[in-house]
Amino acid sequence: MLLPRIDFLKTGLALALGWGVAFALFRGWPGIDLAVSGLFWSPEAGFGVLQNPLWEALRNGLWDLEIALAVAAFALMVAAWMRGRAVAGLPVRATGFIVALFALGPGVLVNGLFKSFAGRARPATVTEFGGDRLFTPAGTFADQCSRNCSFPSGEVSSVVAMAVALWLIAALPGAMPVRGRRALRIFAVVAALFVIAQRIVAGRHFLSDTVFAALMVLTLAWGLYALVSGRFAHARRG
């Protein structure tokens, strides 16, 4: 079973445009982060203005789903590799892509590298919102946080990885009926948007933390997909 084809040139240009706009916006006007977070903060309640136990329950449920998807993809990858054929309708390249995306995206790139060294304080801890830490623009390495820092968002990177994986599954030939594909894609987009909104509203991340986390994972997915689909090998032969 072949992987779905995508237009790598158009996708790459769209990602490059996204990076350019994000850098211009958040580096040129860093106050945007404070302005957006300030919409959900008050001196009396802090970032508890729009807190809702249901939001937290949904967030935890999505987190569990992301872990389950990554584990299931790994198990199916091993099974498909051992049998030499697709398992549960998923070829080894598809499950391998999903495993690599989760491992390298949220695992290594976001949580392993940037969150460990960026040093950016979370919104709820900066002086503008009643904390004692200094605000730093997105992409600036600072010393306002020693571990599990704000930039970029680990949870957003994970939910975006899950969304990409679900889009891939929905696009595989014969994987499911048309209505099922549409429902899976809608769920993927809504889940990602919900987590982005929840992290900002809760004062755990700035808007830029979520935008750059999504861009990192989407760019990694673009490169990995080119690799597992044979795009790089085709380019070399050409």
C-alpha atoms as a PDB file:
ATOM      1  CA  MET A   1       0.000   0.000   0.000  1.00  0.00           C
ATOM      2  CA  LEU A   2       1.484   3.354  -1.055  1.00  0.00           C
ATOM      3  CA  LEU A   3       1.493   6.464   1.086  1.00  0.00           C
ATOM      4  CA  PRO A   4      -0.710   9.357  -0.033  1.00  0.00           C
ATOM      5  CA  ARG A   5       1.021  11.882  -2.281  1.00  0.00           C
ATOM      6  CA  ILE A   6       1.367  15.534  -1.345  1.00  0.00           C
ATOM      7  CA  ASP A   7       2.750  18.536  -3.216  1.00  0.00           C
ATOM      8  CA  PHE A   8       6.045  18.982  -1.375  1.00  0.00           C
ATOM      9  CA  LEU A   9       6.877  22.257  -3.112  1.00  0.00           C
ATOM     10  CA  LYS A  10       3.602  23.981  -2.233  1.00  0.00           C
ATOM     11  CA  THR A  11       3.684  22.558   1.296  1.00  0.00           C
ATOM     12  CA  GLY A  12       7.264  23.706   1.779  1.00  0.00           C
ATOM     13  CA  LEU A  13       6.457  27.204   0.522  1.00  0.00           C
ATOM     14  CA  ALA A  14       3.448  27.383   2.869  1.00  0.00           C
ATOM     15  CA  LEU A  15       5.647  26.391   5.819  1.00  0.00           C
ATOM     16  CA  ALA A  16       8.304  28.934   4.838  1.00  0.00           C
ATOM     17  CA  LEU A  17       5.612  31.619   4.675  1.00  0.00           C
ATOM     18  CA  GLY A  18       4.329  30.553   8.092  1.00  0.00           C
ATOM     19  CA  TRP A  19       7.806  30.821   9.605  1.00  0.00           C
ATOM     20  CA  GLY A  20       8.351  34.212   8.001  1.00  0.00           C
ATOM     21  CA  VAL A  21       5.065  35.634   9.258  1.00  0.00           C
ATOM     22  CA  ALA A  22       5.607  34.209  12.753  1.00  0.00           C
ATOM     23  CA  PHE A  23       9.098  35.674  13.059  1.00  0.00           C
ATOM     24  CA  ALA A  24       8.016  39.052  11.712  1.00  0.00           C
ATOM     25  CA  LEU A  25       5.017  39.173  14.039  1.00  0.00           C
ATOM     26  CA  PHE A  26       6.457  37.938  17.323  1.00  0.00           C
ATOM     27  CA  ARG A  27       9.960  39.373  16.940  1.00  0.00           C
ATOM     28  CA  GLY A  28       8.760  42.663  15.491  1.00  0.00           C
ATOM     29  CA  TRP A  29       5.904  43.158  17.981  1.00  0.00           C
ATOM     30  CA  PRO A  30       6.667  40.985  21.040  1.00  0.00           C
ATOM     31  CA  GLY A  31       3.972  42.791  23.017  1.00  0.00           C
ATOM     32  CA  ILE A  32       1.381  40.771  21.106  1.00  0.00           C
ATOM     33  CA  ASP A  33       2.070  37.861  23.448  1.00  0.00           C
ATOM     34  CA  LEU A  34       1.323  39.979  26.516  1.00  0.00           C
ATOM     35  CA  ALA A  35      -1.758  41.494  24.900  1.00  0.00           C
ATOM     36  CA  VAL A  36      -3.276  38.107  24.039  1.00  0.00           C
ATOM     37  CA  SER A  37      -2.510  36.555  27.429  1.00  0.00           C
ATOM     38  CA  GLY A  38      -3.831  39.676  29.141  1.00  0.00           C
ATOM     39  CA  LEU A  39      -7.273  38.999  27.709  1.00  0.00           C
ATOM     40  CA  PHE A  40      -7.590  36.009  30.074  1.00  0.00           C
ATOM     41  CA  TRP A  41      -6.013  37.515  33.210  1.00  0.00           C
ATOM     42  CA  SER A  42      -7.353  39.714  35.976  1.00  0.00           C
ATOM     43  CA  PRO A  43      -5.636  41.064  39.115  1.00  0.00           C
ATOM     44  CA  GLU A  44      -8.225  39.330  41.287  1.00  0.00           C
ATOM     45  CA  ALA A  45      -8.451  35.887  39.708  1.00  0.00           C
ATOM     46  CA  GLY A  46      -5.187  35.712  37.776  1.00  0.00           C
ATOM     47  CA  PHE A  47      -5.570  33.250  34.905  1.00  0.00           C
ATOM     48  CA  GLY A  48      -8.531  31.602  36.614  1.00  0.00           C
ATOM     49  CA  VAL A  49     -11.038  33.844  34.849  1.00  0.00           C
ATOM     50  CA  LEU A  50     -12.131  31.210  32.358  1.00  0.00           C
ATOM     51  CA  GLN A  51     -11.018  28.078  34.177  1.00  0.00           C
ATOM     52  CA  ASN A  52     -13.340  25.125  33.836  1.00  0.00           C
ATOM     53  CA  PRO A  53     -12.879  21.557  35.168  1.00  0.00           C
ATOM     54  CA  LEU A  54     -14.260  20.226  31.881  1.00  0.00           C
ATOM     55  CA  TRP A  55     -11.451  21.935  29.966  1.00  0.00           C
ATOM     56  CA  GLU A  56      -8.873  20.243  32.153  1.00  0.00           C
ATOM     57  CA  ALA A  57     -10.564  16.859  31.773  1.00  0.00           C
ATOM     58  CA  LEU A  58     -10.620  17.200  27.976  1.00  0.00           C
ATOM     59  CA  ARG A  59      -6.990  18.269  27.959  1.00  0.00           C
ATOM     60  CA  ASN A  60      -5.951  15.227  29.997  1.00  0.00           C
ATOM     61  CA  GLY A  61      -8.054  12.963  27.794  1.00  0.00           C
ATOM     62  CA  LEU A  62      -6.323  14.241  24.661  1.00  0.00           C
ATOM     63  CA  TRP A  63      -2.938  13.791  26.320  1.00  0.00           C
ATOM     64  CA  ASP A  64      -3.787  10.153  27.047  1.00  0.00           C
ATOM     65  CA  LEU A  65      -4.989   9.698  23.465  1.00  0.00           C
ATOM     66  CA  GLU A  66      -1.724  11.075  22.077  1.00  0.00           C
ATOM     67  CA  ILE A  67       0.296   8.633  24.181  1.00  0.00           C
ATOM     68  CA  ALA A  68      -1.963   5.743  23.171  1.00  0.00           C
ATOM     69  CA  LEU A  69      -1.614   6.638  19.488  1.00  0.00           C
ATOM     70  CA  ALA A  70       2.186   6.761  19.694  1.00  0.00           C
ATOM     71  CA  VAL A  71       2.355   3.420  21.524  1.00  0.00           C
ATOM     72  CA  ALA A  72      -0.107   1.788  19.118  1.00  0.00           C
ATOM     73  CA  ALA A  73       1.849   3.086  16.125  1.00  0.00           C
ATOM     74  CA  PHE A  74       5.052   1.597  17.520  1.00  0.00           C
ATOM     75  CA  ALA A  75       3.389  -1.781  18.112  1.00  0.00           C
ATOM     76  CA  LEU A  76       1.878  -1.804  14.607  1.00  0.00           C
ATOM     77  CA  MET A  77       5.198  -0.756  13.093  1.00  0.00           C
ATOM     78  CA  VAL A  78       6.979  -3.690  14.702  1.00  0.00           C
ATOM     79  CA  ALA A  79       4.201  -6.093  13.687  1.00  0.00           C
ATOM     80  CA  ALA A  80       4.153  -4.834  10.086  1.00  0.00           C
ATOM     81  CA  TRP A  81       7.935  -5.078   9.851  1.00  0.00           C
ATOM     82  CA  MET A  82       7.955  -8.636  11.186  1.00  0.00           C
ATOM     83  CA  ARG A  83       5.142  -9.779   8.895  1.00  0.00           C
ATOM     84  CA  GLY A  84       6.372  -7.904   5.861  1.00  0.00           C
ATOM     85  CA  ARG A  85       2.944  -6.416   5.151  1.00  0.00           C
ATOM     86  CA  ALA A  86       0.486  -3.817   6.402  1.00  0.00           C
ATOM     87  CA  VAL A  87      -1.217  -4.458   9.724  1.00  0.00           C
ATOM     88  CA  ALA A  88      -4.663  -2.979  10.470  1.00  0.00           C
ATOM     89  CA  GLY A  89      -4.493  -1.243   7.101  1.00  0.00           C
ATOM     90  CA  LEU A  90      -1.312   0.654   8.022  1.00  0.00           C
ATOM     91  CA  PRO A  91       1.934  -0.021   6.133  1.00  0.00           C
ATOM     92  CA  VAL A  92       5.210   0.013   8.040  1.00  0.00           C
ATOM     93  CA  ARG A  93       6.179   3.335   6.447  1.00  0.00           C
ATOM     94  CA  ALA A  94       3.048   5.017   7.791  1.00  0.00           C
ATOM     95  CA  THR A  95       3.495   3.742  11.351  1.00  0.00           C
ATOM     96  CA  GLY A  96       7.232   4.425  11.160  1.00  0.00           C
ATOM     97  CA  PHE A  97       6.471   8.012  10.168  1.00  0.00           C
ATOM     98  CA  ILE A  98       4.104   8.431  13.129  1.00  0.00           C
ATOM     99  CA  VAL A  99       6.606   6.972  15.603  1.00  0.00           C
ATOM    100  CA  ALA A 100       9.444   9.132  14.277  1.00  0.00           C
ATOM    101  CA  LEU A 101       7.270  12.260  14.344  1.00  0.00           C
ATOM    102  CA  PHE A 102       6.327  11.797  17.997  1.00  0.00           C
ATOM    103  CA  ALA A 103       9.852  10.819  19.041  1.00  0.00           C
ATOM    104  CA  LEU A 104      11.717  13.565  17.192  1.00  0.00           C
ATOM    105  CA  GLY A 105       9.101  16.329  17.433  1.00  0.00           C
ATOM    106  CA  PRO A 106       7.620  16.537  20.943  1.00  0.00           C
ATOM    107  CA  GLY A 107      10.310  14.218  22.308  1.00  0.00           C
ATOM    108  CA  VAL A 108      13.666  15.529  21.085  1.00  0.00           C
ATOM    109  CA  LEU A 109      13.157  18.874  19.344  1.00  0.00           C
ATOM    110  CA  VAL A 110      10.604  20.546  21.619  1.00  0.00           C
ATOM    111  CA  ASN A 111      10.933  19.021  25.096  1.00  0.00           C
ATOM    112  CA  GLY A 112      14.483  17.746  24.804  1.00  0.00           C
ATOM    113  CA  LEU A 113      16.120  20.819  23.289  1.00  0.00           C
ATOM    114  CA  PHE A 114      14.171  24.068  23.229  1.00  0.00           C
ATOM    115  CA  LYS A 115      12.181  23.748  26.460  1.00  0.00           C
ATOM    116  CA  SER A 116      15.346  22.731  28.307  1.00  0.00           C
ATOM    117  CA  PHE A 117      17.464  25.673  27.135  1.00  0.00           C
ATOM    118  CA  ALA A 118      15.121  28.512  26.136  1.00  0.00           C
ATOM    119  CA  GLY A 119      14.676  29.748  29.716  1.00  0.00           C
ATOM    120  CA  ARG A 120      11.483  31.634  28.917  1.00  0.00           C
ATOM    121  CA  ALA A 121       9.153  32.176  31.864  1.00  0.00           C
ATOM    122  CA  ARG A 122       5.519  31.139  31.569  1.00  0.00           C
ATOM    123  CA  PRO A 123       2.825  33.858  31.384  1.00  0.00           C
ATOM    124  CA  ALA A 124       1.552  33.278  34.927  1.00  0.00           C
ATOM    125  CA  THR A 125       5.033  33.912  36.355  1.00  0.00           C
ATOM    126  CA  VAL A 126       6.003  37.193  34.624  1.00  0.00           C
ATOM    127  CA  THR A 127       5.738  40.557  36.369  1.00  0.00           C
ATOM    128  CA  GLU A 128       3.014  41.817  33.988  1.00  0.00           C
ATOM    129  CA  PHE A 129       0.705  39.148  35.410  1.00  0.00           C
ATOM    130  CA  GLY A 130       1.648  39.272  39.080  1.00  0.00           C
ATOM    131  CA  GLY A 131       4.752  37.076  38.964  1.00  0.00           C
ATOM    132  CA  ASP A 132       8.397  37.826  39.643  1.00  0.00           C
ATOM    133  CA  ARG A 133      10.013  36.789  36.342  1.00  0.00           C
ATOM    134  CA  LEU A 134      10.899  38.938  33.356  1.00  0.00           C
ATOM    135  CA  PHE A 135       9.066  38.605  30.057  1.00  0.00           C
ATOM    136  CA  THR A 136      11.280  37.701  27.096  1.00  0.00           C
ATOM    137  CA  PRO A 137      10.263  37.758  23.415  1.00  0.00           C
ATOM    138  CA  ALA A 138       9.761  34.481  21.602  1.00  0.00           C
ATOM    139  CA  GLY A 139      12.984  32.948  20.350  1.00  0.00           C
ATOM    140  CA  THR A 140      15.139  34.774  22.896  1.00  0.00           C
ATOM    141  CA  PHE A 141      17.177  32.537  25.151  1.00  0.00           C
ATOM    142  CA  ALA A 142      16.935  33.757  28.721  1.00  0.00           C
ATOM    143  CA  ASP A 143      17.548  32.731  32.332  1.00  0.00           C
ATOM    144  CA  GLN A 144      14.039  33.234  33.706  1.00  0.00           C
ATOM    145  CA  CYS A 145      13.232  29.516  33.899  1.00  0.00           C
ATOM    146  CA  SER A 146      15.433  26.533  34.718  1.00  0.00           C
ATOM    147  CA  ARG A 147      13.264  23.587  33.627  1.00  0.00           C
ATOM    148  CA  ASN A 148       9.998  22.805  31.788  1.00  0.00           C
ATOM    149  CA  CYS A 149       9.964  26.332  30.415  1.00  0.00           C
ATOM    150  CA  SER A 150       7.408  28.147  28.307  1.00  0.00           C
ATOM    151  CA  PHE A 151       8.990  28.119  24.848  1.00  0.00           C
ATOM    152  CA  PRO A 152       7.745  26.244  22.921  1.00  0.00           C
ATOM    153  CA  SER A 153       4.626  24.400  24.076  1.00  0.00           C
ATOM    154  CA  GLY A 154       5.197  20.687  24.589  1.00  0.00           C
ATOM    155  CA  GLU A 155       1.510  19.826  24.686  1.00  0.00           C
ATOM    156  CA  VAL A 156       0.791  21.731  21.503  1.00  0.00           C
ATOM    157  CA  SER A 157       3.650  19.949  19.742  1.00  0.00           C
ATOM    158  CA  SER A 158       2.201  16.617  20.857  1.00  0.00           C
ATOM    159  CA  VAL A 159      -1.364  17.349  19.787  1.00  0.00           C
ATOM    160  CA  VAL A 160      -0.176  18.680  16.413  1.00  0.00           C
ATOM    161  CA  ALA A 161       1.824  15.465  15.929  1.00  0.00           C
ATOM    162  CA  MET A 162      -1.357  13.530  16.690  1.00  0.00           C
ATOM    163  CA  ALA A 163      -3.341  15.682  14.243  1.00  0.00           C
ATOM    164  CA  VAL A 164      -0.804  15.031  11.473  1.00  0.00           C
ATOM    165  CA  ALA A 165      -0.898  11.295  12.211  1.00  0.00           C
ATOM    166  CA  LEU A 166      -4.703  11.238  12.056  1.00  0.00           C
ATOM    167  CA  TRP A 167      -4.694  13.120   8.739  1.00  0.00           C
ATOM    168  CA  LEU A 168      -2.270  10.552   7.361  1.00  0.00           C
ATOM    169  CA  ILE A 169      -4.444   7.662   8.542  1.00  0.00           C
ATOM    170  CA  ALA A 170      -7.531   9.301   7.036  1.00  0.00           C
ATOM    171  CA  ALA A 171      -5.743   9.737   3.703  1.00  0.00           C
ATOM    172  CA  LEU A 172      -4.545   6.153   3.318  1.00  0.00           C
ATOM    173  CA  PRO A 173      -6.323   4.359   0.457  1.00  0.00           C
ATOM    174  CA  GLY A 174      -9.128   2.147   1.724  1.00  0.00           C
ATOM    175  CA  ALA A 175      -8.548   3.044   5.369  1.00  0.00           C
ATOM    176  CA  MET A 176     -12.131   4.122   6.027  1.00  0.00           C
ATOM    177  CA  PRO A 177     -15.296   5.451   4.372  1.00  0.00           C
ATOM    178  CA  VAL A 178     -15.542   9.084   3.271  1.00  0.00           C
ATOM    179  CA  ARG A 179     -17.587  10.166   6.298  1.00  0.00           C
ATOM    180  CA  GLY A 180     -15.069   8.563   8.610  1.00  0.00           C
ATOM    181  CA  ARG A 181     -12.205  10.394   6.915  1.00  0.00           C
ATOM    182  CA  ARG A 182     -14.009  13.723   7.238  1.00  0.00           C
ATOM    183  CA  ALA A 183     -14.858  13.116  10.894  1.00  0.00           C
ATOM    184  CA  LEU A 184     -11.275  12.129  11.729  1.00  0.00           C
ATOM    185  CA  ARG A 185      -9.860  15.229  10.062  1.00  0.00           C
ATOM    186  CA  ILE A 186     -12.333  17.517  11.808  1.00  0.00           C
ATOM    187  CA  PHE A 187     -11.470  15.924  15.144  1.00  0.00           C
ATOM    188  CA  ALA A 188      -7.743  16.380  14.468  1.00  0.00           C
ATOM    189  CA  VAL A 189      -8.116  20.108  13.751  1.00  0.00           C
ATOM    190  CA  VAL A 190     -10.517  20.767  16.645  1.00  0.00           C
ATOM    191  CA  ALA A 191      -8.285  18.894  19.105  1.00  0.00           C
ATOM    192  CA  ALA A 192      -5.244  20.944  18.110  1.00  0.00           C
ATOM    193  CA  LEU A 193      -7.124  24.255  18.312  1.00  0.00           C
ATOM    194  CA  PHE A 194      -8.598  23.308  21.690  1.00  0.00           C
ATOM    195  CA  VAL A 195      -5.210  22.537  23.242  1.00  0.00           C
ATOM    196  CA  ILE A 196      -3.744  25.763  21.846  1.00  0.00           C
ATOM    197  CA  ALA A 197      -6.607  27.772  23.337  1.00  0.00           C
ATOM    198  CA  GLN A 198      -6.496  25.936  26.677  1.00  0.00           C
ATOM    199  CA  ARG A 199      -2.770  26.499  27.169  1.00  0.00           C
ATOM    200  CA  ILE A 200      -3.116  30.230  26.477  1.00  0.00           C
ATOM    201  CA  VAL A 201      -6.255  30.745  28.559  1.00  0.00           C
ATOM    202  CA  ALA A 202      -4.727  28.859  31.515  1.00  0.00           C
ATOM    203  CA  GLY A 203      -1.682  31.135  31.502  1.00  0.00           C
ATOM    204  CA  ARG A 204       0.680  28.269  30.784  1.00  0.00           C
ATOM    205  CA  HIS A 205       1.849  29.476  27.383  1.00  0.00           C
ATOM    206  CA  PHE A 206       2.039  32.593  25.273  1.00  0.00           C
ATOM    207  CA  LEU A 207       0.510  32.615  21.813  1.00  0.00           C
ATOM    208  CA  SER A 208       3.971  32.456  20.240  1.00  0.00           C
ATOM    209  CA  ASP A 209       4.819  29.327  22.255  1.00  0.00           C
ATOM    210  CA  THR A 210       1.948  27.524  20.565  1.00  0.00           C
ATOM    211  CA  VAL A 211       2.552  28.908  17.075  1.00  0.00           C
ATOM    212  CA  PHE A 212       6.236  27.990  16.993  1.00  0.00           C
ATOM    213  CA  ALA A 213       5.546  24.559  18.512  1.00  0.00           C
ATOM    214  CA  ALA A 214       3.078  23.840  15.717  1.00  0.00           C
ATOM    215  CA  LEU A 215       5.487  25.116  13.052  1.00  0.00           C
ATOM    216  CA  MET A 216       8.325  22.977  14.390  1.00  0.00           C
ATOM    217  CA  VAL A 217       6.256  19.794  14.270  1.00  0.00           C
ATOM    218  CA  LEU A 218       4.686  20.560  10.878  1.00  0.00           C
ATOM    219  CA  THR A 219       8.095  21.292   9.364  1.00  0.00           C
ATOM    220  CA  LEU A 220       9.527  18.112  10.835  1.00  0.00           C
ATOM    221  CA  ALA A 221       6.534  16.177   9.492  1.00  0.00           C
ATOM    222  CA  TRP A 222       7.164  17.639   6.024  1.00  0.00           C
ATOM    223  CA  GLY A 223      10.780  16.475   6.072  1.00  0.00           C
ATOM    224  CA  LEU A 224      10.025  13.055   7.522  1.00  0.00           C
ATOM    225  CA  TYR A 225       7.224  12.442   5.054  1.00  0.00           C
ATOM    226  CA  ALA A 226       9.543  13.281   2.175  1.00  0.00           C
ATOM    227  CA  LEU A 227      11.991  10.758   3.588  1.00  0.00           C
ATOM    228  CA  VAL A 228       9.620   7.830   4.192  1.00  0.00           C
ATOM    229  CA  SER A 229       7.698   8.396   0.954  1.00  0.00           C
ATOM    230  CA  GLY A 230      10.896   8.207  -1.074  1.00  0.00           C
ATOM    231  CA  ARG A 231      10.765  11.842  -2.201  1.00  0.00           C
ATOM    232  CA  PHE A 232      14.441  12.446  -1.328  1.00  0.00           C
ATOM    233  CA  ALA A 233      15.551   9.318  -3.196  1.00  0.00           C
ATOM    234  CA  HIS A 234      13.491  10.362  -6.224  1.00  0.00           C
ATOM    235  CA  ALA A 235      15.114  13.818  -6.155  1.00  0.00           C
ATOM    236  CA  ARG A 236      18.592  12.284  -6.082  1.00  0.00           C
ATOM    237  CA  ARG A 237      17.777  10.030  -9.048  1.00  0.00           C
ATOM    238  CA  GLY A 238      16.404  13.035 -10.927  1.00  0.00           C
END
